[in-house]
Protein backbone atom coordinates (compact mmCIF):
# COMPACT_ATOMS: atom_id res chain seq x y z
CA UNK A 1 60.68 15.19 44.88
CA UNK A 2 64.71 15.44 46.03
CA UNK A 3 64.59 11.59 46.33
CA UNK A 4 62.76 8.53 44.55
CA UNK A 5 61.02 7.32 47.14
CA UNK A 6 60.37 3.63 47.60
CA UNK A 7 57.11 3.41 49.47
CA UNK A 8 53.92 4.75 48.13
CA UNK A 9 51.28 5.68 50.49
CA UNK A 10 47.51 6.46 49.04
CA UNK A 11 44.90 8.40 51.17
CA UNK A 12 41.54 6.72 50.71
CA UNK A 13 39.11 9.35 52.69
CA UNK A 14 35.13 7.75 52.42
CA UNK A 15 33.70 6.29 55.20
CA UNK A 16 30.38 5.07 56.15
CA UNK A 17 30.36 6.99 59.07
CA UNK A 18 32.86 8.88 61.91
CA UNK A 19 33.76 6.26 65.21
CA UNK A 20 33.41 8.68 68.03
CA UNK A 21 37.15 8.84 68.13
CA UNK A 22 38.47 9.21 65.32
CA UNK A 23 40.31 12.60 63.98
CA UNK A 24 41.23 11.63 60.58
CA UNK A 25 40.92 13.14 57.58
CA UNK A 26 37.90 11.38 55.96
CA UNK A 27 34.81 11.86 53.89
CA UNK A 28 31.28 10.36 55.04
CA UNK A 29 29.78 9.04 51.99
CA UNK A 30 26.07 6.54 51.57
CA UNK A 31 27.53 6.54 48.07
CA UNK A 32 31.61 6.87 47.47
CA UNK A 33 32.11 8.61 44.08
CA UNK A 34 34.82 5.49 43.15
CA UNK A 35 35.37 7.26 39.63
CA UNK A 36 35.76 10.86 40.49
CA UNK A 37 38.04 10.05 43.26
CA UNK A 38 40.67 7.61 40.93
CA UNK A 39 40.42 10.67 38.45
CA UNK A 40 41.73 12.76 41.44
CA UNK A 41 44.62 10.10 42.48
CA UNK A 42 45.47 10.42 38.33
CA UNK A 43 45.41 13.99 38.03
CA UNK A 44 47.52 14.29 41.45
CA UNK A 45 50.23 11.80 39.92
CA UNK A 46 50.36 14.24 36.30
CA UNK A 47 50.96 16.50 38.33
CA UNK A 48 53.91 15.75 40.98
CA UNK A 49 55.61 12.70 39.03
CA UNK A 50 56.71 12.43 34.99
CA UNK A 51 55.53 8.87 33.30
CA UNK A 52 57.33 6.82 31.04
CA UNK A 53 60.67 5.85 33.54
CA UNK A 54 58.61 3.61 36.38
CA UNK A 55 61.08 3.91 39.54
CA UNK A 56 60.55 0.48 41.89
CA UNK A 57 58.79 0.48 44.64
CA UNK A 58 58.51 -1.73 47.70
CA UNK A 59 55.83 -1.05 49.11
CA UNK A 60 52.24 0.44 48.16
CA UNK A 61 50.14 0.99 51.20
CA UNK A 62 46.51 2.17 50.95
CA UNK A 63 45.12 3.57 54.06
CA UNK A 64 41.84 5.93 55.46
CA UNK A 65 39.78 6.53 55.78
CA UNK A 66 38.22 3.44 54.41
CA UNK A 67 39.90 1.90 51.46
CA UNK A 68 37.89 -1.73 51.26
CA UNK A 69 34.73 0.56 50.90
CA UNK A 70 35.80 1.46 46.81
CA UNK A 71 34.71 -1.97 45.57
CA UNK A 72 37.37 -4.18 43.83
CA UNK A 73 37.22 -2.37 40.89
CA UNK A 74 38.09 0.50 42.75
CA UNK A 75 40.72 -0.85 44.16
CA UNK A 76 42.17 -2.13 40.71
CA UNK A 77 41.66 1.23 38.97
CA UNK A 78 43.91 3.18 41.89
CA UNK A 79 46.75 0.45 41.52
CA UNK A 80 46.18 1.26 37.64
CA UNK A 81 46.72 4.72 37.91
CA UNK A 82 49.80 4.18 40.20
CA UNK A 83 51.51 1.75 37.33
CA UNK A 84 52.84 4.10 35.06
CA UNK A 85 54.69 5.78 37.94
CA UNK A 86 55.84 2.70 40.00
CA UNK A 87 56.51 -0.44 39.58
CA UNK A 88 56.77 -3.23 41.90
CA UNK A 89 59.67 -4.64 42.83
CA UNK A 90 59.14 -9.06 42.72
CA UNK A 91 58.73 -9.08 46.48
CA UNK A 92 57.16 -6.05 47.26
CA UNK A 93 54.29 -5.42 49.70
CA UNK A 94 51.39 -4.35 48.56
CA UNK A 95 48.77 -3.15 51.31
CA UNK A 96 44.98 -2.46 51.98
CA UNK A 97 43.18 -1.33 55.09
CA UNK A 98 39.27 -3.44 55.26
CA UNK A 99 36.90 -2.93 57.55
CA UNK A 100 34.90 -6.62 58.27
CA UNK A 101 31.32 -5.47 56.66
CA UNK A 102 33.10 -5.06 53.31
CA UNK A 103 35.03 -8.83 53.58
CA UNK A 104 33.41 -10.78 51.42
CA UNK A 105 35.07 -14.52 49.62
CA UNK A 106 34.23 -12.40 45.94
CA UNK A 107 35.94 -9.27 46.97
CA UNK A 108 39.01 -10.75 49.13
CA UNK A 109 39.65 -12.76 45.67
CA UNK A 110 39.35 -10.08 43.81
CA UNK A 111 41.85 -7.75 45.94
CA UNK A 112 44.31 -10.46 45.56
CA UNK A 113 43.84 -10.57 41.48
CA UNK A 114 44.41 -6.61 41.56
CA UNK A 115 47.42 -7.51 43.73
CA UNK A 116 47.02 -6.78 47.19
CA UNK A 117 48.64 -9.03 49.40
CA UNK A 118 48.94 -7.72 52.58
CA UNK A 119 45.05 -6.60 54.57
CA UNK A 120 44.51 -4.79 57.65
CA UNK A 121 41.70 -5.25 58.93
CA UNK A 122 40.32 -2.23 61.45
CA UNK A 123 37.80 -5.10 64.17
CA UNK A 124 39.19 -2.52 67.77
CA UNK A 125 37.09 -4.67 70.07
CA UNK A 126 35.27 -8.28 70.42
CA UNK A 127 33.17 -6.51 73.16
CA UNK A 128 29.62 -6.14 71.13
CA UNK A 129 29.26 -2.32 74.03
CA UNK A 130 32.24 -1.71 72.70
CA UNK A 131 31.68 -1.91 69.32
CA UNK A 132 28.56 0.22 69.25
CA UNK A 133 29.86 3.05 71.78
CA UNK A 134 33.10 3.12 68.73
CA UNK A 135 30.09 3.73 66.12
CA UNK A 136 31.83 0.75 64.25
CA UNK A 137 28.81 -0.52 61.55
CA UNK A 138 30.61 -4.61 61.91
CA UNK A 139 29.89 -6.98 64.86
CA UNK A 140 31.75 -9.44 66.56
CA UNK A 141 30.67 -12.44 64.55
CA UNK A 142 30.86 -10.10 61.30
CA UNK A 143 34.61 -9.58 62.48
CA UNK A 144 35.93 -12.85 63.28
CA UNK A 145 33.73 -14.02 59.30
CA UNK A 146 35.68 -11.31 58.03
CA UNK A 147 39.14 -12.97 59.70
CA UNK A 148 38.17 -15.97 58.21
CA UNK A 149 37.42 -15.20 55.07
CA UNK A 150 40.90 -13.71 54.38
CA UNK A 151 43.02 -16.26 55.98
CA UNK A 152 41.23 -18.75 53.32
CA UNK A 153 41.40 -16.42 51.13
CA UNK A 154 45.05 -16.88 50.58
CA UNK A 155 46.71 -13.72 52.42
CA UNK A 156 49.42 -15.46 54.42
CA UNK A 157 50.11 -11.59 55.73
CA UNK A 158 47.50 -9.62 57.26
CA UNK A 159 46.87 -7.73 60.84
CA UNK A 160 44.08 -6.95 63.34
CA UNK A 161 43.76 -4.03 64.60
CA UNK A 162 42.62 -3.64 68.27
CA UNK A 163 41.94 -0.68 70.64
CA UNK A 164 42.86 -0.62 74.22
CA UNK A 165 42.46 1.79 77.12
CA UNK A 166 38.73 2.78 76.59
CA UNK A 167 36.51 4.13 79.47
CA UNK A 168 35.66 2.18 82.20
CA UNK A 169 32.59 2.41 82.18
CA UNK A 170 31.96 -0.10 79.23
CA UNK A 171 33.47 -2.18 81.38
CA UNK A 172 35.77 -4.15 78.28
CA UNK A 173 37.04 -7.45 79.64
CA UNK A 174 40.57 -6.53 77.38
CA UNK A 175 42.30 -9.63 78.07
CA UNK A 176 39.37 -11.03 76.75
CA UNK A 177 39.61 -9.36 73.49
CA UNK A 178 43.53 -10.18 73.21
CA UNK A 179 42.61 -13.84 73.23
CA UNK A 180 39.49 -13.76 70.92
CA UNK A 181 42.32 -12.20 68.15
CA UNK A 182 45.00 -14.82 69.26
CA UNK A 183 42.47 -17.52 68.74
CA UNK A 184 42.06 -16.13 65.18
CA UNK A 185 45.79 -16.85 64.91
CA UNK A 186 46.73 -13.36 62.86
CA UNK A 187 50.25 -13.32 61.69
CA UNK A 188 50.28 -9.19 62.47
CA UNK A 189 48.00 -7.71 65.55
CA UNK A 190 48.41 -3.74 65.82
CA UNK A 191 46.96 -1.75 69.41
CA UNK A 192 46.19 1.47 70.05
CA UNK A 193 45.77 2.87 73.08
CA UNK A 194 42.84 5.43 72.61
CA UNK A 195 43.65 9.38 72.49
CA UNK A 196 41.54 12.23 72.76
CA UNK A 197 41.65 14.18 69.64
CA UNK A 198 40.23 18.55 69.55
CA UNK A 199 36.36 18.35 68.11
CA UNK A 200 35.39 14.41 68.17
CA UNK A 201 32.27 13.11 69.63
CA UNK A 202 34.93 11.81 72.26
CA UNK A 203 36.34 14.56 73.21
CA UNK A 204 32.90 16.45 73.96
CA UNK A 205 31.02 13.59 75.47
CA UNK A 206 33.87 14.05 78.02
CA UNK A 207 33.56 17.66 78.44
CA UNK A 208 30.07 16.99 79.20
CA UNK A 209 30.76 14.30 81.82
CA UNK A 210 29.05 11.92 80.08
CA UNK A 211 32.09 9.70 79.25
CA UNK A 212 35.28 9.34 81.66
CA UNK A 213 38.88 9.32 80.19
CA UNK A 214 41.14 5.79 81.47
CA UNK A 215 43.85 6.24 84.47
CA UNK A 216 47.83 6.10 83.01
CA UNK A 217 47.34 3.28 86.05
CA UNK A 218 45.36 1.16 83.35
CA UNK A 219 46.82 2.24 80.54
CA UNK A 220 50.04 1.30 81.57
CA UNK A 221 48.34 -2.09 82.78
CA UNK A 222 46.70 -2.57 79.60
CA UNK A 223 49.63 -1.65 77.52
CA UNK A 224 51.96 -3.61 79.48
CA UNK A 225 49.37 -6.92 78.97
CA UNK A 226 49.22 -6.87 75.63
CA UNK A 227 52.93 -6.84 75.43
CA UNK A 228 52.83 -10.11 77.51
CA UNK A 229 50.09 -12.49 76.11
CA UNK A 230 50.73 -10.95 72.63
CA UNK A 231 55.41 -12.24 72.60
CA UNK A 232 54.59 -15.43 74.71
CA UNK A 233 52.14 -16.17 71.93
CA UNK A 234 55.44 -15.59 69.43
CA UNK A 235 54.96 -12.62 68.24
CA UNK A 236 57.47 -10.10 68.40
CA UNK A 237 56.90 -6.53 69.73
CA UNK A 238 58.45 -4.73 66.64
CA UNK A 239 57.27 -1.28 67.53
CA UNK A 240 55.30 0.51 70.55
CA UNK A 241 51.96 -0.80 68.77
CA UNK A 242 53.34 -2.92 66.36
CA UNK A 243 53.75 -7.54 66.84
CA UNK A 244 54.25 -9.98 64.27
CA UNK A 245 55.41 -12.85 63.87
CA UNK A 246 58.80 -13.28 62.51
CA UNK A 247 58.56 -12.32 58.74
CA UNK A 248 55.36 -10.69 59.04
CA UNK A 249 56.09 -6.93 60.15
CA UNK A 250 54.78 -4.19 58.37
CA UNK A 251 57.82 -3.45 55.93
CA UNK A 252 55.32 0.01 55.21
CA UNK A 253 55.04 1.30 58.47
CA UNK A 254 58.94 -0.02 58.87
CA UNK A 255 60.13 2.25 56.77
CA UNK A 256 58.47 5.46 58.24
CA UNK A 257 60.38 4.45 60.96
CA UNK A 258 63.54 4.44 59.72
CA UNK A 259 63.08 7.59 58.02
CA UNK A 260 63.00 6.33 54.30
CA UNK A 261 61.29 8.76 51.85
CA UNK A 262 58.34 8.05 50.82
CA UNK A 263 55.01 9.79 48.78
CA UNK A 264 51.96 10.39 49.50
CA UNK A 265 48.76 10.52 47.25
CA UNK A 266 45.10 11.49 48.26
CA UNK A 267 43.91 14.14 50.32
CA UNK A 268 45.68 14.66 54.06
CA UNK A 269 48.62 12.44 52.22
CA UNK A 270 52.65 13.11 54.13
CA UNK A 271 55.37 13.14 51.48
CA UNK A 272 58.75 12.97 52.75
CA UNK A 273 62.43 13.10 51.27
CA UNK A 274 64.57 12.67 54.25
CA UNK A 275 65.26 16.67 54.58
CA UNK A 276 62.01 17.81 53.56
CA UNK A 277 58.16 16.88 54.22
CA UNK A 278 54.80 17.89 52.54
CA UNK A 279 51.03 17.79 52.68
CA UNK A 280 48.29 18.09 50.59
CA UNK A 281 45.06 19.66 51.45
CA UNK A 282 42.94 17.35 53.89
CA UNK A 283 39.07 17.67 52.86
CA UNK A 284 38.31 15.58 50.08
CA UNK A 285 36.36 18.33 48.85
CA UNK A 286 39.11 20.75 48.21
CA UNK A 287 41.41 18.82 47.46
CA UNK A 288 39.42 17.22 44.31
CA UNK A 289 38.97 20.73 43.28
CA UNK A 290 42.05 22.01 43.18
CA UNK A 291 42.89 18.87 40.92
CA UNK A 292 39.70 19.49 38.24
CA UNK A 293 41.82 23.08 38.20
CA UNK A 294 44.93 21.27 37.67
CA UNK A 295 46.49 22.77 41.13
CA UNK A 296 48.69 21.49 43.06
CA UNK A 297 46.83 19.93 45.80
CA UNK A 298 49.57 21.07 48.50
CA UNK A 299 48.62 22.11 52.10
CA UNK A 300 51.60 22.93 53.12
CA UNK A 301 55.57 22.31 53.46
CA UNK A 302 58.88 22.44 55.78
CA UNK A 303 62.37 22.07 55.32
CA UNK A 304 63.72 19.99 58.67
CA UNK A 305 66.72 21.28 60.41
CA UNK A 306 69.56 19.29 60.92
CA UNK A 307 68.24 19.57 64.91
CA UNK A 308 64.89 18.69 63.62
CA UNK A 309 66.28 15.45 61.86
CA UNK A 310 68.13 14.10 64.63
CA UNK A 311 65.29 14.82 67.01
CA UNK A 312 63.02 12.77 64.58
CA UNK A 313 65.22 9.57 63.76
CA UNK A 314 66.18 9.64 68.03
CA UNK A 315 62.23 9.90 67.88
CA UNK A 316 61.29 6.72 65.85
CA UNK A 317 64.24 4.97 66.47
CA UNK A 318 63.53 4.34 69.85
CA UNK A 319 59.43 3.65 69.28
CA UNK A 320 61.23 0.65 67.00
CA UNK A 321 62.85 -2.59 69.04
CA UNK A 322 65.92 -1.58 66.58
CA UNK A 323 66.51 1.18 69.33
CA UNK A 324 69.67 4.00 68.51
CA UNK A 325 73.11 3.41 68.62
CA UNK A 326 74.52 3.41 71.99
CA UNK A 327 76.38 6.85 71.08
CA UNK A 328 74.01 9.06 70.86
CA UNK A 329 72.65 8.92 74.12
CA UNK A 330 75.05 10.03 76.72
CA UNK A 331 76.11 7.34 79.18
CA UNK A 332 74.38 8.94 82.20
CA UNK A 333 71.09 9.11 80.21
CA UNK A 334 71.73 5.32 79.73
CA UNK A 335 72.73 3.89 82.92
CA UNK A 336 69.59 6.34 84.54
CA UNK A 337 67.12 4.77 81.54
CA UNK A 338 68.88 0.84 82.06
CA UNK A 339 68.81 1.51 86.04
CA UNK A 340 64.87 2.07 86.09
CA UNK A 341 64.14 -0.62 83.74
CA UNK A 342 63.40 1.90 81.28
CA UNK A 343 65.69 0.54 78.63
CA UNK A 344 68.22 -2.17 77.98
CA UNK A 345 71.99 -2.11 75.80
CA UNK A 346 72.59 -4.83 73.31
CA UNK A 347 75.02 -4.64 70.78
CA UNK A 348 75.98 -1.28 70.62
CA UNK A 349 72.31 0.06 70.66
CA UNK A 350 69.77 1.50 73.68
CA UNK A 351 66.61 -0.68 73.34
CA UNK A 352 63.57 0.71 75.15
CA UNK A 353 61.76 -1.92 77.42
CA UNK A 354 58.00 -1.54 77.67
CA UNK A 355 57.82 0.69 80.30
CA UNK A 356 59.97 2.83 78.76
CA UNK A 357 58.00 2.87 75.83
CA UNK A 358 55.44 3.99 77.60
CA UNK A 359 57.74 7.25 78.71
CA UNK A 360 59.06 7.52 75.28
CA UNK A 361 57.60 11.16 74.76
CA UNK A 362 59.04 12.46 77.84
CA UNK A 363 62.51 9.99 77.60
CA UNK A 364 62.85 11.91 74.03
CA UNK A 365 62.40 15.03 75.63
CA UNK A 366 65.22 14.61 78.44
CA UNK A 367 67.60 13.34 75.97
CA UNK A 368 66.78 16.34 73.51
CA UNK A 369 66.96 18.86 76.78
CA UNK A 370 69.96 17.25 78.03
CA UNK A 371 71.69 17.69 74.10
CA UNK A 372 70.55 21.31 74.24
CA UNK A 373 72.24 21.96 77.45
CA UNK A 374 76.08 20.90 75.95
């Protein structure tokens, strides 16, 4: 790689089942091939990096999929194969994505012993009907129990994931979900609007009329309700989908939004140097087979033009509460955005408001079009 990454992402593709909305690179397995997967991660690192002089990293993130399906030993083994290549800074953030059904007192203690210091719980909803519709394995009681276990285990940083804007026929009360989440006192909450991806069960249900897409008005209403409710509870809305108490923002995800370099390991994982990007073979079986044959599992790569890099920086900057420099936006556009309540200008920065974030793609597109005309 052209630059030394300070952030490492490890993709763990395994899941017990595929959720209705899921378009991620996952491998549904009744029995998870832990040893084979760990061997694959080790083989990829040997092919791509040189051991012997570990570089310092600020964050490590085990995402998926469902990394907690690896079990305590598997998680420790994955972190262990990283050690010859990366040394953790004293206050490094090491995150594990987990599903509630995998959380036990024994597991949580083992994760801490292995070096995990932040857990992201995939709860998605506290409504039994919604959980069943999503094909989630856990129930509401299991979600609440898992959150209590994580907090009691001594994880000072942990997060809950929730999904809003589900089909109206589910008759879901989104405010009740937010209240249930806040009752668990998490230091961080991520909320994601349900999106329809091709080839998912949800997309097929919509095509057949079995499910109904939520209206734009409902999507906006629930997004703004989320902002008001969570910020009033003391959480900072520091990125479109993320809220955290002071000092509890995801440092790993924040690195993506600032354009920092990072290394991705595992099937479908992406890496970025600041000027180029590569991604691995998507499917687990193909990724594993390539590594068994000592072949780099690269699925593709690209070198960004200066124009592409500037566009990405604007987009990523505007999706966070840091915003972008005011001199990066023509004055007439700034005035237009501010006049319509979509942006604020503070300390020489342009920051989008929640209503501006709802129009992020359109605003960046308009900004790009204007720049191309100049």
